[in-house]
N, C-alpha and C. Protein backbone atom coordinates (compact mmCIF):
# COMPACT_ATOMS: atom_id res chain seq x y z
N MET A 1 -11.94 8.29 -57.40
CA MET A 1 -10.67 7.78 -56.98
C MET A 1 -10.00 8.31 -55.90
N LYS A 2 -10.21 9.53 -55.61
CA LYS A 2 -9.62 10.40 -54.46
C LYS A 2 -10.16 9.76 -53.16
N PRO A 3 -11.50 9.33 -53.11
CA PRO A 3 -11.90 8.92 -51.77
C PRO A 3 -11.37 7.60 -51.48
N ASN A 4 -11.12 6.75 -52.36
CA ASN A 4 -10.37 5.49 -52.12
C ASN A 4 -9.00 5.70 -51.64
N ARG A 5 -8.21 6.58 -52.25
CA ARG A 5 -6.94 6.89 -51.78
C ARG A 5 -6.94 7.49 -50.31
N LEU A 6 -7.80 8.28 -50.00
CA LEU A 6 -8.01 8.98 -48.70
C LEU A 6 -8.22 7.81 -47.71
N PHE A 7 -9.18 7.00 -48.11
CA PHE A 7 -9.52 5.90 -47.09
C PHE A 7 -8.33 5.01 -46.98
N SER A 8 -7.49 4.57 -48.07
CA SER A 8 -6.28 3.81 -47.98
C SER A 8 -5.26 4.46 -47.04
N LEU A 9 -5.14 5.86 -47.13
CA LEU A 9 -4.17 6.44 -46.24
C LEU A 9 -4.49 6.51 -44.82
N MET A 10 -5.85 6.54 -44.57
CA MET A 10 -6.42 6.55 -43.22
C MET A 10 -6.18 5.16 -42.54
N ILE A 11 -6.32 4.21 -43.32
CA ILE A 11 -6.10 2.87 -42.81
C ILE A 11 -4.72 2.64 -42.64
N ALA A 12 -3.78 3.13 -43.46
CA ALA A 12 -2.33 2.92 -43.16
C ALA A 12 -1.93 3.75 -42.06
N ALA A 13 -2.44 4.98 -41.80
CA ALA A 13 -2.13 5.65 -40.49
C ALA A 13 -2.53 5.04 -39.31
N ILE A 14 -3.81 4.43 -39.40
CA ILE A 14 -4.28 3.74 -38.07
C ILE A 14 -3.49 2.58 -37.79
N ALA A 15 -3.08 1.87 -38.79
CA ALA A 15 -2.32 0.61 -38.71
C ALA A 15 -0.80 0.97 -38.00
N ILE A 16 -0.34 2.07 -38.61
CA ILE A 16 1.08 2.49 -38.09
C ILE A 16 0.85 2.89 -36.63
N SER A 17 -0.24 3.75 -36.32
CA SER A 17 -0.56 4.21 -34.99
C SER A 17 -0.69 3.04 -34.00
N LEU A 18 -1.43 1.98 -34.52
CA LEU A 18 -1.69 0.86 -33.46
C LEU A 18 -0.42 0.10 -33.17
N SER A 19 0.35 -0.18 -34.35
CA SER A 19 1.72 -0.79 -34.13
C SER A 19 2.61 -0.19 -33.20
N THR A 20 2.71 1.11 -33.36
CA THR A 20 3.61 1.92 -32.58
C THR A 20 3.09 1.88 -31.05
N THR A 21 1.80 1.77 -30.85
CA THR A 21 1.28 1.82 -29.51
C THR A 21 1.61 0.42 -28.92
N ALA A 22 1.50 -0.61 -29.74
CA ALA A 22 1.82 -1.99 -29.28
C ALA A 22 3.17 -2.25 -28.84
N PHE A 23 4.08 -1.71 -29.58
CA PHE A 23 5.54 -1.72 -29.30
C PHE A 23 5.84 -0.83 -28.06
N ALA A 24 5.20 0.25 -27.85
CA ALA A 24 5.48 1.05 -26.66
C ALA A 24 4.99 0.40 -25.48
N GLN A 25 4.00 -0.57 -25.48
CA GLN A 25 3.63 -1.08 -24.31
C GLN A 25 4.64 -2.09 -23.61
N GLN A 26 5.55 -2.62 -24.50
CA GLN A 26 6.70 -3.38 -24.03
C GLN A 26 7.57 -2.80 -23.06
N GLY A 27 7.82 -1.43 -23.22
CA GLY A 27 8.43 -0.68 -22.21
C GLY A 27 10.06 -0.72 -22.34
N MET A 28 10.44 0.51 -22.55
CA MET A 28 12.00 0.73 -22.57
C MET A 28 12.73 -0.10 -23.46
N GLY A 29 12.15 -0.51 -24.66
CA GLY A 29 12.73 -1.15 -25.75
C GLY A 29 13.10 -2.68 -25.42
N LYS A 30 12.60 -3.14 -24.33
CA LYS A 30 12.85 -4.69 -23.97
C LYS A 30 11.61 -5.49 -24.31
N PRO A 31 11.87 -6.52 -24.86
CA PRO A 31 10.64 -7.36 -25.15
C PRO A 31 9.97 -7.91 -23.93
N ASN A 32 8.77 -8.14 -23.92
CA ASN A 32 8.01 -8.67 -22.83
C ASN A 32 8.57 -9.96 -22.36
N LYS A 33 8.80 -10.22 -21.06
CA LYS A 33 9.36 -11.41 -20.55
C LYS A 33 8.14 -12.27 -19.97
N PRO A 34 8.31 -13.59 -20.16
CA PRO A 34 7.33 -14.42 -19.57
C PRO A 34 7.59 -14.49 -18.12
N GLN A 35 6.47 -14.82 -17.37
CA GLN A 35 6.62 -14.76 -15.90
C GLN A 35 7.65 -15.69 -15.31
N GLY A 36 7.78 -16.86 -15.96
CA GLY A 36 8.76 -17.87 -15.36
C GLY A 36 10.13 -17.74 -16.04
N ASN A 37 10.61 -16.47 -16.33
CA ASN A 37 11.91 -16.30 -17.01
C ASN A 37 12.99 -16.84 -15.95
N PRO A 38 13.88 -17.78 -16.54
CA PRO A 38 14.88 -18.31 -15.67
C PRO A 38 15.81 -17.25 -15.18
N ASP A 39 16.16 -16.12 -15.83
CA ASP A 39 17.00 -15.16 -15.37
C ASP A 39 16.50 -14.48 -14.06
N ASP A 40 15.22 -14.38 -13.90
CA ASP A 40 14.60 -13.76 -12.79
C ASP A 40 14.56 -14.62 -11.63
N LYS A 41 14.55 -15.84 -11.73
CA LYS A 41 14.22 -16.84 -10.64
C LYS A 41 15.26 -16.63 -9.46
N PRO A 42 16.54 -16.64 -9.78
CA PRO A 42 17.49 -16.57 -8.65
C PRO A 42 17.30 -15.41 -7.68
N MET A 43 17.07 -14.18 -8.23
CA MET A 43 16.82 -13.02 -7.46
C MET A 43 15.54 -13.12 -6.75
N HIS A 44 14.46 -13.68 -7.41
CA HIS A 44 13.27 -13.86 -6.74
C HIS A 44 13.31 -14.98 -5.58
N GLN A 45 13.85 -16.03 -5.85
CA GLN A 45 14.02 -17.02 -4.85
C GLN A 45 14.94 -16.60 -3.64
N GLU A 46 15.98 -15.74 -4.03
CA GLU A 46 16.83 -15.20 -2.81
C GLU A 46 15.92 -14.36 -2.00
N CYS A 47 15.17 -13.51 -2.63
CA CYS A 47 14.22 -12.59 -1.80
C CYS A 47 13.37 -13.49 -0.93
N LYS A 48 12.61 -14.38 -1.60
CA LYS A 48 11.68 -15.36 -0.83
C LYS A 48 12.49 -15.91 0.34
N LYS A 49 13.65 -16.49 0.05
CA LYS A 49 14.51 -17.17 1.09
C LYS A 49 14.73 -16.14 2.34
N GLU A 50 15.17 -15.02 1.93
CA GLU A 50 15.63 -14.04 2.99
C GLU A 50 14.43 -13.38 3.59
N CYS A 51 13.40 -13.04 2.90
CA CYS A 51 12.45 -12.18 3.44
C CYS A 51 11.22 -12.91 4.05
N HIS A 52 10.99 -13.99 3.59
CA HIS A 52 9.72 -14.75 4.04
C HIS A 52 9.95 -15.88 4.86
N ARG A 53 11.05 -16.44 5.02
CA ARG A 53 11.24 -17.60 5.74
C ARG A 53 11.96 -17.30 7.08
N GLY A 54 11.32 -16.86 8.08
CA GLY A 54 11.92 -16.55 9.37
C GLY A 54 13.23 -16.90 9.65
N GLN A 55 13.62 -18.13 9.70
CA GLN A 55 14.88 -18.66 10.14
C GLN A 55 16.01 -18.25 9.30
N MET A 56 15.74 -18.18 7.98
CA MET A 56 16.80 -17.91 6.99
C MET A 56 17.02 -16.39 6.73
N GLU A 57 16.17 -15.50 7.32
CA GLU A 57 16.13 -14.15 7.10
C GLU A 57 17.48 -13.54 7.53
N PHE A 58 18.10 -13.93 8.64
CA PHE A 58 19.32 -13.44 9.13
C PHE A 58 20.41 -14.39 9.05
N GLU A 59 20.32 -15.42 8.24
CA GLU A 59 21.41 -16.38 8.14
C GLU A 59 22.74 -15.77 7.91
N PHE A 60 22.79 -14.76 6.90
CA PHE A 60 24.05 -14.30 6.63
C PHE A 60 24.82 -13.72 7.76
N LEU A 61 24.15 -13.42 8.90
CA LEU A 61 24.86 -12.81 10.06
C LEU A 61 25.43 -13.79 10.99
N LYS A 62 25.24 -15.06 10.84
CA LYS A 62 25.82 -16.09 11.61
C LYS A 62 25.48 -15.91 13.25
N LEU A 63 24.17 -15.75 13.42
CA LEU A 63 23.64 -15.43 14.93
C LEU A 63 23.90 -16.59 15.86
N SER A 64 23.98 -16.22 17.08
CA SER A 64 24.12 -17.32 18.16
C SER A 64 22.77 -17.72 18.39
N ASP A 65 22.59 -18.87 19.11
CA ASP A 65 21.28 -19.30 19.45
C ASP A 65 20.41 -18.38 20.24
N GLU A 66 21.08 -17.70 21.18
CA GLU A 66 20.42 -16.67 22.10
C GLU A 66 19.89 -15.47 21.22
N GLN A 67 20.72 -15.13 20.23
CA GLN A 67 20.35 -13.95 19.33
C GLN A 67 19.09 -14.38 18.54
N LYS A 68 19.05 -15.64 18.05
CA LYS A 68 17.95 -16.14 17.18
C LYS A 68 16.71 -16.11 17.98
N GLU A 69 16.79 -16.58 19.21
CA GLU A 69 15.57 -16.50 19.98
C GLU A 69 15.09 -15.23 20.34
N LYS A 70 15.88 -14.18 20.63
CA LYS A 70 15.54 -12.90 20.85
C LYS A 70 14.80 -12.29 19.68
N ILE A 71 15.54 -12.54 18.55
CA ILE A 71 15.03 -11.90 17.16
C ILE A 71 13.60 -12.65 16.99
N LYS A 72 13.56 -13.90 17.09
CA LYS A 72 12.28 -14.52 16.85
C LYS A 72 11.10 -14.07 17.70
N ALA A 73 11.38 -13.70 18.95
CA ALA A 73 10.33 -13.19 19.78
C ALA A 73 9.97 -11.70 19.32
N ILE A 74 11.02 -10.96 18.98
CA ILE A 74 10.72 -9.56 18.46
C ILE A 74 9.87 -9.57 17.19
N LYS A 75 10.28 -10.55 16.27
CA LYS A 75 9.68 -10.76 15.06
C LYS A 75 8.10 -10.99 15.23
N LEU A 76 7.87 -12.04 16.06
CA LEU A 76 6.51 -12.32 16.28
C LEU A 76 5.56 -11.24 16.65
N VAL A 77 6.00 -10.36 17.65
CA VAL A 77 5.25 -9.11 18.11
C VAL A 77 5.08 -8.16 16.93
N ASN A 78 6.23 -8.00 16.09
CA ASN A 78 6.17 -7.07 14.87
C ASN A 78 5.21 -7.68 13.89
N MET A 79 5.25 -8.92 13.56
CA MET A 79 4.37 -9.59 12.55
C MET A 79 2.99 -9.42 12.98
N LYS A 80 2.61 -9.52 14.23
CA LYS A 80 1.27 -9.35 14.69
C LYS A 80 0.80 -7.88 14.47
N GLU A 81 1.56 -6.91 14.84
CA GLU A 81 1.25 -5.52 14.65
C GLU A 81 1.26 -5.16 13.09
N THR A 82 2.08 -5.68 12.32
CA THR A 82 2.05 -5.34 10.85
C THR A 82 0.86 -6.01 10.28
N LEU A 83 0.38 -7.19 10.65
CA LEU A 83 -0.70 -7.84 10.04
C LEU A 83 -1.98 -7.01 10.33
N LYS A 84 -2.07 -6.50 11.57
CA LYS A 84 -3.24 -5.72 11.95
C LYS A 84 -3.23 -4.43 10.99
N LEU A 85 -2.04 -3.75 11.00
CA LEU A 85 -2.12 -2.40 10.23
C LEU A 85 -2.37 -2.60 8.71
N LYS A 86 -1.79 -3.83 8.22
CA LYS A 86 -2.00 -4.02 6.75
C LYS A 86 -3.57 -4.40 6.47
N GLY A 87 -4.07 -5.08 7.45
CA GLY A 87 -5.57 -5.28 7.24
C GLY A 87 -6.34 -4.04 7.35
N LYS A 88 -5.89 -3.08 8.27
CA LYS A 88 -6.67 -1.75 8.24
C LYS A 88 -6.51 -1.01 6.96
N MET A 89 -5.10 -1.13 6.48
CA MET A 89 -4.91 -0.41 5.16
C MET A 89 -5.76 -1.01 4.02
N ALA A 90 -6.05 -2.18 4.04
CA ALA A 90 -6.73 -2.88 2.84
C ALA A 90 -8.28 -2.29 3.15
N GLU A 91 -8.79 -2.32 4.31
CA GLU A 91 -10.12 -1.81 4.60
C GLU A 91 -10.20 -0.38 4.15
N LEU A 92 -9.24 0.47 4.38
CA LEU A 92 -9.15 1.88 4.16
C LEU A 92 -9.23 2.03 2.62
N HIS A 93 -8.38 1.32 1.90
CA HIS A 93 -8.33 1.33 0.48
C HIS A 93 -9.71 1.00 -0.27
N ALA A 94 -10.32 -0.04 0.35
CA ALA A 94 -11.55 -0.51 -0.13
C ALA A 94 -12.61 0.49 0.14
N HIS A 95 -12.60 1.11 1.40
CA HIS A 95 -13.52 2.26 1.57
C HIS A 95 -13.33 3.49 0.69
N LEU A 96 -12.02 3.79 0.54
CA LEU A 96 -11.69 5.02 -0.57
C LEU A 96 -12.27 4.64 -1.99
N GLN A 97 -12.05 3.43 -2.36
CA GLN A 97 -12.63 3.01 -3.70
C GLN A 97 -13.99 3.25 -3.71
N THR A 98 -14.77 2.73 -2.60
CA THR A 98 -16.33 2.96 -2.54
C THR A 98 -16.58 4.38 -2.67
N LEU A 99 -15.98 5.18 -1.89
CA LEU A 99 -16.28 6.62 -1.91
C LEU A 99 -15.99 7.41 -3.15
N SER A 100 -14.90 6.85 -3.81
CA SER A 100 -14.40 7.53 -5.09
C SER A 100 -15.42 7.17 -6.24
N THR A 101 -16.05 6.01 -6.19
CA THR A 101 -16.72 5.75 -7.34
C THR A 101 -18.25 5.84 -7.12
N ALA A 102 -18.64 6.45 -5.95
CA ALA A 102 -20.07 6.93 -5.81
C ALA A 102 -20.55 7.84 -6.89
N ASP A 103 -21.76 7.83 -7.10
CA ASP A 103 -22.38 8.80 -8.09
C ASP A 103 -22.14 10.20 -7.81
N ILE A 104 -22.24 10.54 -6.49
CA ILE A 104 -22.04 11.92 -6.13
C ILE A 104 -20.93 11.73 -4.87
N ALA A 105 -19.50 12.05 -5.23
CA ALA A 105 -18.46 12.00 -4.43
C ALA A 105 -18.59 12.80 -3.13
N ASP A 106 -18.33 12.28 -1.99
CA ASP A 106 -18.28 13.16 -0.77
C ASP A 106 -16.89 13.46 -0.49
N MET A 107 -16.32 14.51 -0.84
CA MET A 107 -15.04 14.79 -0.86
C MET A 107 -14.54 14.98 0.51
N ASN A 108 -15.38 15.35 1.48
CA ASN A 108 -14.99 15.46 2.82
C ASN A 108 -14.62 13.98 3.39
N ALA A 109 -15.53 13.02 3.20
CA ALA A 109 -15.33 11.62 3.48
C ALA A 109 -13.98 11.03 2.78
N ILE A 110 -13.83 11.50 1.50
CA ILE A 110 -12.62 11.02 0.72
C ILE A 110 -11.32 11.52 1.43
N ASN A 111 -11.27 12.77 1.88
CA ASN A 111 -10.16 13.30 2.45
C ASN A 111 -9.97 12.76 3.77
N ILE A 112 -10.97 12.54 4.55
CA ILE A 112 -10.81 11.87 5.86
C ILE A 112 -10.13 10.46 5.80
N THR A 113 -10.70 9.70 4.68
CA THR A 113 -10.03 8.39 4.49
C THR A 113 -8.67 8.47 4.03
N ILE A 114 -8.41 9.34 3.11
CA ILE A 114 -6.94 9.51 2.75
C ILE A 114 -6.10 9.87 3.93
N ASP A 115 -6.61 10.71 4.86
CA ASP A 115 -5.74 11.04 5.98
C ASP A 115 -5.46 9.79 6.82
N GLU A 116 -6.63 8.86 7.03
CA GLU A 116 -6.52 7.73 7.68
C GLU A 116 -5.44 6.76 7.13
N ILE A 117 -5.61 6.70 5.85
CA ILE A 117 -4.45 5.91 5.05
C ILE A 117 -3.10 6.43 5.33
N THR A 118 -2.92 7.77 5.23
CA THR A 118 -1.53 8.16 5.56
C THR A 118 -1.14 7.89 6.95
N LYS A 119 -2.13 8.11 7.80
CA LYS A 119 -1.81 7.84 9.33
C LYS A 119 -1.40 6.46 9.55
N THR A 120 -2.02 5.55 8.80
CA THR A 120 -1.78 4.07 8.98
C THR A 120 -0.38 3.63 8.35
N GLN A 121 -0.11 4.30 7.18
CA GLN A 121 1.22 4.16 6.54
C GLN A 121 2.21 4.66 7.56
N ASN A 122 2.11 5.74 8.14
CA ASN A 122 2.97 6.24 9.07
C ASN A 122 3.35 5.31 10.20
N GLN A 123 2.23 4.68 10.77
CA GLN A 123 2.34 3.67 11.76
C GLN A 123 3.11 2.51 11.26
N LEU A 124 2.81 1.99 10.03
CA LEU A 124 3.62 0.97 9.42
C LEU A 124 5.09 1.16 9.33
N MET A 125 5.37 2.33 8.90
CA MET A 125 6.80 2.75 8.77
C MET A 125 7.45 2.81 10.09
N LYS A 126 6.93 3.30 11.03
CA LYS A 126 7.39 3.42 12.39
C LYS A 126 7.55 2.01 12.91
N SER A 127 6.59 1.13 12.70
CA SER A 127 6.68 -0.19 13.19
C SER A 127 7.85 -0.86 12.62
N ARG A 128 8.00 -0.83 11.40
CA ARG A 128 9.17 -1.51 10.67
C ARG A 128 10.45 -0.92 11.21
N GLU A 129 10.58 0.38 11.40
CA GLU A 129 11.85 0.91 11.88
C GLU A 129 12.15 0.56 13.32
N SER A 130 11.05 0.49 14.05
CA SER A 130 11.17 -0.03 15.55
C SER A 130 11.72 -1.46 15.53
N TYR A 131 11.29 -2.29 14.60
CA TYR A 131 11.56 -3.65 14.61
C TYR A 131 13.12 -3.77 14.13
N LYS A 132 13.54 -2.90 13.23
CA LYS A 132 14.86 -2.92 12.65
C LYS A 132 15.91 -2.52 13.81
N GLN A 133 15.51 -1.49 14.48
CA GLN A 133 16.33 -0.98 15.65
C GLN A 133 16.46 -1.92 16.75
N GLN A 134 15.26 -2.74 17.06
CA GLN A 134 15.36 -3.74 18.08
C GLN A 134 16.30 -4.83 17.63
N VAL A 135 16.17 -5.23 16.38
CA VAL A 135 17.17 -6.26 15.95
C VAL A 135 18.59 -5.74 15.95
N ARG A 136 18.79 -4.49 15.51
CA ARG A 136 20.15 -4.08 15.61
C ARG A 136 20.67 -4.04 16.95
N GLY A 137 19.85 -3.76 17.98
CA GLY A 137 20.20 -3.71 19.41
C GLY A 137 20.71 -4.98 19.93
N ILE A 138 20.33 -6.11 19.29
CA ILE A 138 20.77 -7.50 19.73
C ILE A 138 22.07 -8.05 19.01
N LEU A 139 22.42 -7.38 17.81
CA LEU A 139 23.58 -7.59 17.10
C LEU A 139 24.92 -7.15 17.71
N THR A 140 26.00 -7.85 17.42
CA THR A 140 27.26 -7.29 17.59
C THR A 140 27.67 -6.30 16.65
N GLU A 141 28.73 -5.47 16.85
CA GLU A 141 29.11 -4.44 15.91
C GLU A 141 29.38 -4.93 14.41
N GLU A 142 30.10 -6.11 14.38
CA GLU A 142 30.19 -6.56 12.97
C GLU A 142 28.97 -7.11 12.30
N GLN A 143 28.12 -7.67 13.22
CA GLN A 143 26.76 -8.13 12.63
C GLN A 143 25.97 -6.83 12.19
N ARG A 144 26.03 -5.76 12.98
CA ARG A 144 25.12 -4.57 12.64
C ARG A 144 25.66 -3.98 11.27
N VAL A 145 26.98 -4.02 11.15
CA VAL A 145 27.46 -3.43 9.74
C VAL A 145 26.96 -4.34 8.62
N GLU A 146 27.02 -5.53 8.76
CA GLU A 146 26.54 -6.39 7.77
C GLU A 146 25.02 -6.22 7.55
N PHE A 147 24.32 -6.20 8.68
CA PHE A 147 22.86 -6.00 8.57
C PHE A 147 22.46 -4.71 7.88
N ASP A 148 23.15 -3.61 8.33
CA ASP A 148 22.97 -2.35 7.68
C ASP A 148 23.30 -2.37 6.16
N LEU A 149 24.28 -2.99 5.78
CA LEU A 149 24.69 -3.08 4.35
C LEU A 149 23.58 -3.81 3.62
N LYS A 150 23.03 -4.89 4.13
CA LYS A 150 22.03 -5.62 3.48
C LYS A 150 20.72 -4.86 3.48
N GLN A 151 20.37 -4.03 4.43
CA GLN A 151 19.30 -3.26 4.43
C GLN A 151 19.29 -2.28 3.34
N GLY A 152 20.61 -1.65 3.02
CA GLY A 152 20.75 -0.78 2.01
C GLY A 152 20.63 -1.36 0.56
N GLN A 153 21.05 -2.66 0.43
CA GLN A 153 20.73 -3.37 -0.76
C GLN A 153 19.30 -3.60 -1.00
N HIS A 154 18.63 -4.06 0.06
CA HIS A 154 17.08 -4.21 0.02
C HIS A 154 16.37 -2.97 -0.43
N SER A 155 16.79 -1.85 0.09
CA SER A 155 16.09 -0.57 -0.19
C SER A 155 16.30 -0.24 -1.66
N ARG A 156 17.48 -0.45 -2.11
CA ARG A 156 17.71 -0.10 -3.59
C ARG A 156 16.91 -0.98 -4.45
N GLN A 157 16.86 -2.28 -4.05
CA GLN A 157 16.03 -3.30 -4.95
C GLN A 157 14.72 -2.88 -4.92
N GLU A 158 14.18 -2.51 -3.76
CA GLU A 158 12.61 -2.02 -3.67
C GLU A 158 12.49 -0.86 -4.50
N GLU A 159 13.54 0.15 -4.48
CA GLU A 159 13.23 1.40 -5.29
C GLU A 159 13.28 1.08 -6.85
N MET A 160 14.20 0.12 -7.18
CA MET A 160 14.27 -0.28 -8.52
C MET A 160 12.89 -0.85 -8.96
N ARG A 161 12.25 -1.72 -8.08
CA ARG A 161 10.97 -2.35 -8.48
C ARG A 161 9.93 -1.40 -8.56
N MET A 162 9.84 -0.28 -7.66
CA MET A 162 8.88 0.60 -7.65
C MET A 162 8.86 1.48 -8.93
N HIS A 163 10.19 1.80 -9.46
CA HIS A 163 10.38 2.67 -10.66
C HIS A 163 10.36 1.94 -11.94
N HIS A 164 10.79 0.58 -11.94
CA HIS A 164 10.93 -0.02 -13.16
C HIS A 164 10.07 -1.32 -13.27
N GLY A 165 9.40 -1.70 -12.15
CA GLY A 165 8.46 -2.90 -12.18
C GLY A 165 9.27 -4.03 -11.70
N PRO A 166 8.59 -5.23 -11.52
CA PRO A 166 9.13 -6.38 -10.74
C PRO A 166 10.42 -7.04 -11.58
N ASP A 167 10.42 -6.75 -12.93
CA ASP A 167 11.47 -7.39 -13.53
C ASP A 167 12.99 -6.60 -13.51
N ALA A 168 12.83 -5.51 -12.81
CA ALA A 168 14.04 -4.71 -12.72
C ALA A 168 15.10 -5.36 -11.89
N LYS A 169 16.48 -5.20 -12.45
CA LYS A 169 17.55 -5.74 -11.71
C LYS A 169 18.63 -4.68 -11.50
N ASP A 170 19.43 -4.70 -10.57
CA ASP A 170 20.59 -3.86 -10.23
C ASP A 170 21.45 -3.89 -11.52
N GLU A 171 21.98 -2.87 -12.06
CA GLU A 171 22.87 -2.95 -13.11
C GLU A 171 24.29 -2.45 -12.73
């Protein structure tokens, strides 16, 4: 009789353990949201509208036609450079994955690749900041203030996404 009772207790403990783990996977007491949650769409669409559709990116600044043309030219140069650097990053990450999963890892090659990744990240950050400062140079004082405020909001949203995932919202 005792072995049956022990077996039953073990099954119950496993069931409780699995259910606890399943609930923990949902994260921070919130139920999982489906991908197409209507609450998330406005923020996502706004980001798409501002970040990825060239002409609308600076719409909130009410730019003159001359400013739009200057920014468009700067943006094209920046996009080409960014594309090149992101491609290099993808190659380096793939190479690092290959080195890391080899039967015998070559730590020297892994460290060199990590150094290259950091160097490329550094170039990307400098390129983004250069672009931002070039755009700021074209703006009037009032537009610069609006632009800087919007950049601060974007940074906070990115930080929230990094720490809490893509469903995170400003509270």
